[in-house]
Amino acid sequence: MTISSLVYAERNPNGHWWASGGIALCGLAGLCWTAVLVRQGRRARGRVGIWVLGLGYLCMMWCALLPERLLRIPKSHDALALAAFVGICVGMVHATLRAATPRGVQRGELSGSARLGPVIFAGAALAPIVLAALAQAYVSYELPELKWVNLAWRARGVPLYLSFAFWEWVTCAVFSVYMVALARNTLAECRSS
């Protein structure tokens, strides 16, 4: 089951409030964290990624709190979910690059080759997204009769790793690990300054 399906009363009658509340609280916590990052940021150029991250968390919160039936705008949930995903993804990669890049590279004192490690580390967070896209491309080519996101896949014997929902949950777990690491880094920087 996809994460988005959990916030709909008709798809998750016994747990939609828990799912909505949990996602909204995660978005609120992310907004609090980005507020700390904004206060900590010194350069205007570095703040763009932080603001994008904050916008992603705001969209995440609204996506959970305002299902389509309340907004009465077609595809509003999809638009908010996509905006949240893109904002969090771009902001997280930016924050990871900023945190992982040695200060000497940031100041231009070290060569560009010292930047390769942080770029690979930040890019690794995007691996589940790339794998999800490849899995969906394969499914749409090999099994075009299957609906995009559906629980009937299990009955048809389609492997779990080809499911969009599987990759959505893996991406959520990977993003969570990265965000916890980035938040710990932020706390360490706040304590040292």
Protein backbone atom coordinates (compact mmCIF):
# COMPACT_ATOMS: atom_id res chain seq x y z
CA MET A 1 0.00 0.00 0.00
CA THR A 2 1.35 3.45 -0.88
CA ILE A 3 1.92 6.08 1.78
CA SER A 4 -0.64 8.38 0.17
CA SER A 5 -3.33 5.70 0.40
CA LEU A 6 -2.98 5.72 4.18
CA VAL A 7 -4.41 9.24 4.59
CA TYR A 8 -7.71 8.52 2.80
CA ALA A 9 -10.65 7.46 4.99
CA GLU A 10 -12.12 5.28 2.22
CA ARG A 11 -8.83 3.41 1.69
CA ASN A 12 -7.73 3.22 5.33
CA PRO A 13 -10.88 3.57 7.47
CA ASN A 14 -9.30 2.45 10.75
CA GLY A 15 -6.03 4.36 10.54
CA HIS A 16 -6.30 7.40 8.29
CA TRP A 17 -6.23 9.82 11.25
CA TRP A 18 -3.06 8.18 12.60
CA ALA A 19 -1.41 8.36 9.19
CA SER A 20 -2.43 11.98 8.61
CA GLY A 21 -1.31 13.00 12.09
CA GLY A 22 2.04 11.23 11.76
CA ILE A 23 2.81 12.75 8.38
CA ALA A 24 1.72 16.21 9.57
CA LEU A 25 3.93 15.92 12.68
CA CYS A 26 6.89 14.87 10.53
CA GLY A 27 6.29 17.91 8.32
CA LEU A 28 6.07 20.18 11.38
CA ALA A 29 9.30 18.74 12.81
CA GLY A 30 10.96 19.31 9.44
CA LEU A 31 9.77 22.92 9.44
CA CYS A 32 11.26 23.44 12.91
CA TRP A 33 14.55 21.95 11.74
CA THR A 34 14.67 24.15 8.64
CA ALA A 35 14.00 27.19 10.85
CA VAL A 36 17.20 26.29 12.75
CA LEU A 37 19.04 25.88 9.45
CA VAL A 38 17.81 29.30 8.25
CA ARG A 39 19.03 30.93 11.47
CA GLN A 40 22.35 29.10 11.13
CA GLY A 41 22.84 29.93 7.41
CA ARG A 42 25.19 32.76 6.59
CA ARG A 43 25.23 33.05 2.80
CA ALA A 44 22.17 33.86 0.71
CA ARG A 45 23.17 31.26 -1.91
CA GLY A 46 23.21 28.48 0.70
CA ARG A 47 19.77 29.44 1.96
CA VAL A 48 17.92 28.64 -1.27
CA GLY A 49 18.21 24.88 -0.66
CA ILE A 50 17.06 25.35 2.94
CA TRP A 51 14.01 27.36 1.84
CA VAL A 52 13.17 24.69 -0.75
CA LEU A 53 13.44 22.06 1.99
CA GLY A 54 11.13 24.10 4.22
CA LEU A 55 8.62 24.49 1.39
CA GLY A 56 8.74 20.72 0.88
CA TYR A 57 7.98 20.11 4.55
CA LEU A 58 5.15 22.66 4.46
CA CYS A 59 3.61 20.89 1.45
CA MET A 60 4.04 17.57 3.26
CA MET A 61 2.12 18.90 6.24
CA TRP A 62 -0.70 20.32 4.11
CA CYS A 63 -0.84 17.15 2.01
CA ALA A 64 -1.59 15.16 5.17
CA LEU A 65 -4.00 17.67 6.70
CA LEU A 66 -5.98 18.62 3.60
CA PRO A 67 -7.13 15.58 1.64
CA GLU A 68 -8.74 16.22 -1.75
CA ARG A 69 -12.27 15.85 -0.46
CA LEU A 70 -11.77 18.97 1.71
CA LEU A 71 -10.00 21.10 -0.91
CA ARG A 72 -12.39 20.14 -3.70
CA ILE A 73 -9.63 20.82 -6.24
CA PRO A 74 -8.97 17.86 -8.55
CA LYS A 75 -5.52 16.28 -8.07
CA SER A 76 -4.67 18.72 -5.24
CA HIS A 77 -3.36 15.88 -3.06
CA ASP A 78 -1.14 14.69 -5.91
CA ALA A 79 0.18 18.22 -6.52
CA LEU A 80 0.96 18.77 -2.83
CA ALA A 81 2.57 15.33 -2.52
CA LEU A 82 4.73 15.95 -5.60
CA ALA A 83 5.73 19.43 -4.37
CA ALA A 84 6.61 17.95 -0.96
CA PHE A 85 8.65 15.19 -2.54
CA VAL A 86 10.59 17.49 -4.88
CA GLY A 87 11.18 20.09 -2.16
CA ILE A 88 12.40 17.58 0.39
CA CYS A 89 14.52 15.77 -2.18
CA VAL A 90 16.23 18.92 -3.51
CA GLY A 91 16.64 20.40 -0.02
CA MET A 92 18.02 17.18 1.42
CA VAL A 93 20.59 16.79 -1.35
CA HIS A 94 21.62 20.42 -0.91
CA ALA A 95 21.91 20.06 2.88
CA THR A 96 23.87 16.81 2.50
CA LEU A 97 26.31 18.43 0.07
CA ARG A 98 26.73 21.38 2.41
CA ALA A 99 27.29 19.18 5.46
CA ALA A 100 29.58 16.65 3.76
CA THR A 101 31.77 19.05 1.78
CA PRO A 102 34.99 19.93 3.65
CA ARG A 103 35.28 23.59 4.63
CA GLY A 104 38.40 23.99 2.49
CA VAL A 105 36.46 23.06 -0.66
CA GLN A 106 33.65 25.44 0.31
CA ARG A 107 36.17 28.29 0.64
CA GLY A 108 37.98 27.31 -2.59
CA GLU A 109 41.19 26.29 -0.79
CA LEU A 110 41.08 22.59 -1.82
CA SER A 111 40.83 21.06 -5.28
CA GLY A 112 37.57 20.03 -6.93
CA SER A 113 38.45 16.33 -6.54
CA ALA A 114 37.77 16.65 -2.80
CA ARG A 115 34.15 17.42 -3.77
CA LEU A 116 33.57 14.00 -5.40
CA GLY A 117 32.97 12.09 -2.14
CA PRO A 118 30.23 14.45 -0.90
CA VAL A 119 28.57 14.44 -4.32
CA ILE A 120 28.47 10.62 -4.34
CA PHE A 121 27.19 10.59 -0.74
CA ALA A 122 24.42 13.10 -1.53
CA GLY A 123 23.56 11.29 -4.77
CA ALA A 124 23.23 7.95 -2.97
CA ALA A 125 20.09 9.29 -1.30
CA LEU A 126 18.50 9.41 -4.73
CA ALA A 127 19.26 5.76 -5.55
CA PRO A 128 15.80 4.45 -4.48
CA ILE A 129 14.13 7.04 -6.71
CA VAL A 130 16.19 5.93 -9.71
CA LEU A 131 15.46 2.27 -8.93
CA ALA A 132 11.74 3.05 -8.59
CA ALA A 133 11.75 4.75 -11.98
CA LEU A 134 13.54 1.79 -13.56
CA ALA A 135 11.12 -0.68 -11.95
CA GLN A 136 8.10 1.29 -13.17
CA ALA A 137 9.55 1.60 -16.67
CA TYR A 138 10.09 -2.17 -16.75
CA VAL A 139 6.56 -2.88 -15.50
CA SER A 140 4.94 -0.50 -17.98
CA TYR A 141 6.87 -2.15 -20.82
CA GLU A 142 6.57 -5.81 -19.79
CA LEU A 143 3.18 -5.75 -17.99
CA PRO A 144 1.23 -2.82 -19.48
CA GLU A 145 -2.13 -4.28 -18.39
CA LEU A 146 -1.32 -3.73 -14.70
CA LYS A 147 -2.58 -0.57 -13.05
CA TRP A 148 0.21 1.68 -11.76
CA VAL A 149 -0.42 1.29 -8.02
CA ASN A 150 -2.64 -1.60 -7.02
CA LEU A 151 -2.81 -4.33 -4.37
CA ALA A 152 -3.81 -6.83 -7.09
CA TRP A 153 -0.13 -7.11 -8.02
CA ARG A 154 0.42 -9.68 -5.25
CA ALA A 155 -2.31 -11.94 -6.59
CA ARG A 156 -0.75 -11.77 -10.06
CA GLY A 157 2.64 -12.91 -8.71
CA VAL A 158 4.49 -9.69 -9.51
CA PRO A 159 7.61 -9.45 -7.31
CA LEU A 160 7.51 -6.94 -4.48
CA TYR A 161 10.59 -5.08 -5.73
CA LEU A 162 8.71 -4.03 -8.89
CA SER A 163 5.97 -2.33 -6.87
CA PHE A 164 5.89 1.46 -6.67
CA ALA A 165 4.71 1.21 -3.06
CA PHE A 166 7.82 -0.81 -2.14
CA TRP A 167 10.15 1.82 -3.53
CA GLU A 168 8.11 4.60 -1.95
CA TRP A 169 8.64 3.02 1.50
CA VAL A 170 12.34 2.37 0.79
CA THR A 171 12.76 6.00 -0.26
CA CYS A 172 10.98 7.13 2.90
CA ALA A 173 13.37 5.03 5.02
CA VAL A 174 16.47 6.31 3.19
CA PHE A 175 15.31 9.93 3.44
CA SER A 176 14.60 9.42 7.16
CA VAL A 177 18.13 8.12 7.79
CA TYR A 178 19.64 11.04 5.89
CA MET A 179 17.46 13.57 7.71
CA VAL A 180 18.35 12.17 11.13
CA ALA A 181 22.05 12.32 10.23
CA LEU A 182 21.67 15.89 8.94
CA ALA A 183 19.73 16.94 12.06
CA ARG A 184 22.46 15.48 14.28
CA ASN A 185 25.05 17.38 12.25
CA THR A 186 23.04 20.58 12.68
CA LEU A 187 22.88 20.05 16.46
CA ALA A 188 26.64 19.45 16.59
CA GLU A 189 27.27 22.66 14.62
CA CYS A 190 24.91 24.65 16.88
CA ARG A 191 26.70 23.38 20.00
CA SER A 192 30.14 24.15 18.61
CA SER A 193 29.28 27.73 17.62
